């Protein structure tokens, strides 16, 4: 059970990171001047 909970947590964490990466890419595409 502990292994399963750890796996679920890692999966959620990876999804969160992936979502942040997508949001960052969208910001980069919509407003590239803000990153300079």
PDB file of N, CA and C in Angstrom:
ATOM      1  N   UNK A   1       0.837  -1.203   0.000  1.00  0.00           N
ATOM      2  CA  UNK A   1       0.000   0.000   0.000  1.00  0.00           C
ATOM      3  C   UNK A   1       0.872   1.254   0.000  1.00  0.00           C
ATOM      4  N   UNK A   2       1.945   1.202   0.754  1.00  0.00           N
ATOM      5  CA  UNK A   2       2.836   2.358   0.829  1.00  0.00           C
ATOM      6  C   UNK A   2       3.472   2.637  -0.535  1.00  0.00           C
ATOM      7  N   UNK A   3       3.837   1.567  -1.237  1.00  0.00           N
ATOM      8  CA  UNK A   3       4.455   1.729  -2.557  1.00  0.00           C
ATOM      9  C   UNK A   3       3.442   2.351  -3.522  1.00  0.00           C
ATOM     10  N   UNK A   4       2.207   1.923  -3.411  1.00  0.00           N
ATOM     11  CA  UNK A   4       1.172   2.440  -4.307  1.00  0.00           C
ATOM     12  C   UNK A   4       0.930   3.928  -4.053  1.00  0.00           C
ATOM     13  N   UNK A   5       0.899   4.314  -2.784  1.00  0.00           N
ATOM     14  CA  UNK A   5       0.696   5.726  -2.455  1.00  0.00           C
ATOM     15  C   UNK A   5       1.853   6.569  -2.969  1.00  0.00           C
ATOM     16  N   UNK A   6       3.061   6.033  -2.838  1.00  0.00           N
ATOM     17  CA  UNK A   6       4.237   6.754  -3.321  1.00  0.00           C
ATOM     18  C   UNK A   6       4.158   6.912  -4.834  1.00  0.00           C
ATOM     19  N   UNK A   7       3.736   5.860  -5.519  1.00  0.00           N
ATOM     20  CA  UNK A   7       3.628   5.907  -6.973  1.00  0.00           C
ATOM     21  C   UNK A   7       2.591   6.949  -7.390  1.00  0.00           C
ATOM     22  N   UNK A   8       1.460   6.969  -6.695  1.00  0.00           N
ATOM     23  CA  UNK A   8       0.410   7.941  -7.015  1.00  0.00           C
ATOM     24  C   UNK A   8       0.899   9.364  -6.787  1.00  0.00           C
ATOM     25  N   UNK A   9       1.655   9.546  -5.716  1.00  0.00           N
ATOM     26  CA  UNK A   9       2.175  10.877  -5.408  1.00  0.00           C
ATOM     27  C   UNK A   9       3.139  11.326  -6.497  1.00  0.00           C
ATOM     28  N   UNK A  10       4.013  10.423  -6.927  1.00  0.00           N
ATOM     29  CA  UNK A  10       4.978  10.773  -7.973  1.00  0.00           C
ATOM     30  C   UNK A  10       4.262  11.082  -9.276  1.00  0.00           C
ATOM     31  N   UNK A  11       3.202  10.338  -9.562  1.00  0.00           N
ATOM     32  CA  UNK A  11       2.438  10.578 -10.786  1.00  0.00           C
ATOM     33  C   UNK A  11       1.784  11.957 -10.741  1.00  0.00           C
ATOM     34  N   UNK A  12       1.214  12.304  -9.600  1.00  0.00           N
ATOM     35  CA  UNK A  12       0.589  13.626  -9.446  1.00  0.00           C
ATOM     36  C   UNK A  12       1.639  14.717  -9.574  1.00  0.00           C
ATOM     37  N   UNK A  13       2.806  14.467  -8.995  1.00  0.00           N
ATOM     38  CA  UNK A  13       3.877  15.461  -9.040  1.00  0.00           C
ATOM     39  C   UNK A  13       4.331  15.673 -10.479  1.00  0.00           C
ATOM     40  N   UNK A  14       4.457  14.578 -11.227  1.00  0.00           N
ATOM     41  CA  UNK A  14       4.875  14.691 -12.626  1.00  0.00           C
ATOM     42  C   UNK A  14       3.825  15.441 -13.436  1.00  0.00           C
ATOM     43  N   UNK A  15       2.562  15.216 -13.127  1.00  0.00           N
ATOM     44  CA  UNK A  15       1.492  15.919 -13.846  1.00  0.00           C
ATOM     45  C   UNK A  15       1.533  17.407 -13.534  1.00  0.00           C
ATOM     46  N   UNK A  16       1.822  17.740 -12.264  1.00  0.00           N
ATOM     47  CA  UNK A  16       1.917  19.149 -11.873  1.00  0.00           C
ATOM     48  C   UNK A  16       3.062  19.824 -12.616  1.00  0.00           C
ATOM     49  N   UNK A  17       4.219  19.151 -12.654  1.00  0.00           N
ATOM     50  CA  UNK A  17       5.387  19.706 -13.344  1.00  0.00           C
ATOM     51  C   UNK A  17       5.077  19.874 -14.828  1.00  0.00           C
ATOM     52  N   UNK A  18       4.412  18.873 -15.418  1.00  0.00           N
ATOM     53  CA  UNK A  18       4.075  18.928 -16.835  1.00  0.00           C
ATOM     54  C   UNK A  18       3.127  20.096 -17.107  1.00  0.00           C
ATOM     55  N   UNK A  19       2.171  20.307 -16.208  1.00  0.00           N
ATOM     56  CA  UNK A  19       1.216  21.406 -16.373  1.00  0.00           C
ATOM     57  C   UNK A  19       1.934  22.751 -16.307  1.00  0.00           C
ATOM     58  N   UNK A  20       2.903  22.855 -15.385  1.00  0.00           N
ATOM     59  CA  UNK A  20       3.656  24.108 -15.268  1.00  0.00           C
ATOM     60  C   UNK A  20       4.495  24.341 -16.522  1.00  0.00           C
ATOM     61  N   UNK A  21       5.043  23.261 -17.081  1.00  0.00           N
ATOM     62  CA  UNK A  21       5.849  23.392 -18.296  1.00  0.00           C
ATOM     63  C   UNK A  21       4.979  23.871 -19.448  1.00  0.00           C
ATOM     64  N   UNK A  22       3.772  23.339 -19.550  1.00  0.00           N
ATOM     65  CA  UNK A  22       2.857  23.750 -20.622  1.00  0.00           C
ATOM     66  C   UNK A  22       2.476  25.216 -20.445  1.00  0.00           C
ATOM     67  N   UNK A  23       2.186  25.607 -19.199  1.00  0.00           N
ATOM     68  CA  UNK A  23       1.819  27.001 -18.929  1.00  0.00           C
ATOM     69  C   UNK A  23       2.982  27.927 -19.281  1.00  0.00           C
ATOM     70  N   UNK A  24       4.205  27.479 -18.974  1.00  0.00           N
ATOM     71  CA  UNK A  24       5.388  28.288 -19.278  1.00  0.00           C
ATOM     72  C   UNK A  24       5.555  28.437 -20.786  1.00  0.00           C
ATOM     73  N   UNK A  25       5.334  27.339 -21.513  1.00  0.00           N
ATOM     74  CA  UNK A  25       5.456  27.399 -22.973  1.00  0.00           C
ATOM     75  C   UNK A  25       4.398  28.325 -23.561  1.00  0.00           C
ATOM     76  N   UNK A  26       3.188  28.270 -23.012  1.00  0.00           N
ATOM     77  CA  UNK A  26       2.117  29.142 -23.504  1.00  0.00           C
ATOM     78  C   UNK A  26       2.486  30.604 -23.268  1.00  0.00           C
ATOM     79  N   UNK A  27       3.029  30.902 -22.094  1.00  0.00           N
ATOM     80  CA  UNK A  27       3.450  32.276 -21.801  1.00  0.00           C
ATOM     81  C   UNK A  27       4.557  32.698 -22.762  1.00  0.00           C
ATOM     82  N   UNK A  28       5.455  31.769 -23.061  1.00  0.00           N
ATOM     83  CA  UNK A  28       6.575  32.063 -23.943  1.00  0.00           C
ATOM     84  C   UNK A  28       6.056  32.375 -25.356  1.00  0.00           C
ATOM     85  N   UNK A  29       5.032  31.645 -25.784  1.00  0.00           N
ATOM     86  CA  UNK A  29       4.490  31.850 -27.132  1.00  0.00           C
ATOM     87  C   UNK A  29       3.662  33.135 -27.191  1.00  0.00           C
ATOM     88  N   UNK A  30       2.853  33.367 -26.156  1.00  0.00           N
ATOM     89  CA  UNK A  30       1.963  34.531 -26.169  1.00  0.00           C
ATOM     90  C   UNK A  30       2.707  35.839 -25.932  1.00  0.00           C
ATOM     91  N   UNK A  31       3.686  35.821 -25.013  1.00  0.00           N
ATOM     92  CA  UNK A  31       4.398  37.057 -24.681  1.00  0.00           C
ATOM     93  C   UNK A  31       5.893  36.805 -24.520  1.00  0.00           C
ATOM     94  N   UNK A  32       6.608  36.610 -25.618  1.00  0.00           N
ATOM     95  CA  UNK A  32       8.045  36.334 -25.545  1.00  0.00           C
ATOM     96  C   UNK A  32       8.849  37.522 -25.020  1.00  0.00           C
ATOM     97  N   UNK A  33       8.321  38.718 -25.172  1.00  0.00           N
ATOM     98  CA  UNK A  33       9.056  39.908 -24.724  1.00  0.00           C
ATOM     99  C   UNK A  33       9.192  39.954 -23.202  1.00  0.00           C
ATOM    100  N   UNK A  34       8.251  39.317 -22.495  1.00  0.00           N
ATOM    101  CA  UNK A  34       8.276  39.362 -21.031  1.00  0.00           C
ATOM    102  C   UNK A  34       9.412  38.529 -20.448  1.00  0.00           C
ATOM    103  N   UNK A  35       9.929  37.583 -21.231  1.00  0.00           N
ATOM    104  CA  UNK A  35      10.983  36.713 -20.713  1.00  0.00           C
ATOM    105  C   UNK A  35      12.367  37.320 -20.891  1.00  0.00           C
ATOM    106  N   UNK A  36      12.462  38.360 -21.701  1.00  0.00           N
ATOM    107  CA  UNK A  36      13.780  38.951 -21.953  1.00  0.00           C
ATOM    108  C   UNK A  36      14.217  39.872 -20.820  1.00  0.00           C
TER     109      UNK A  36
END
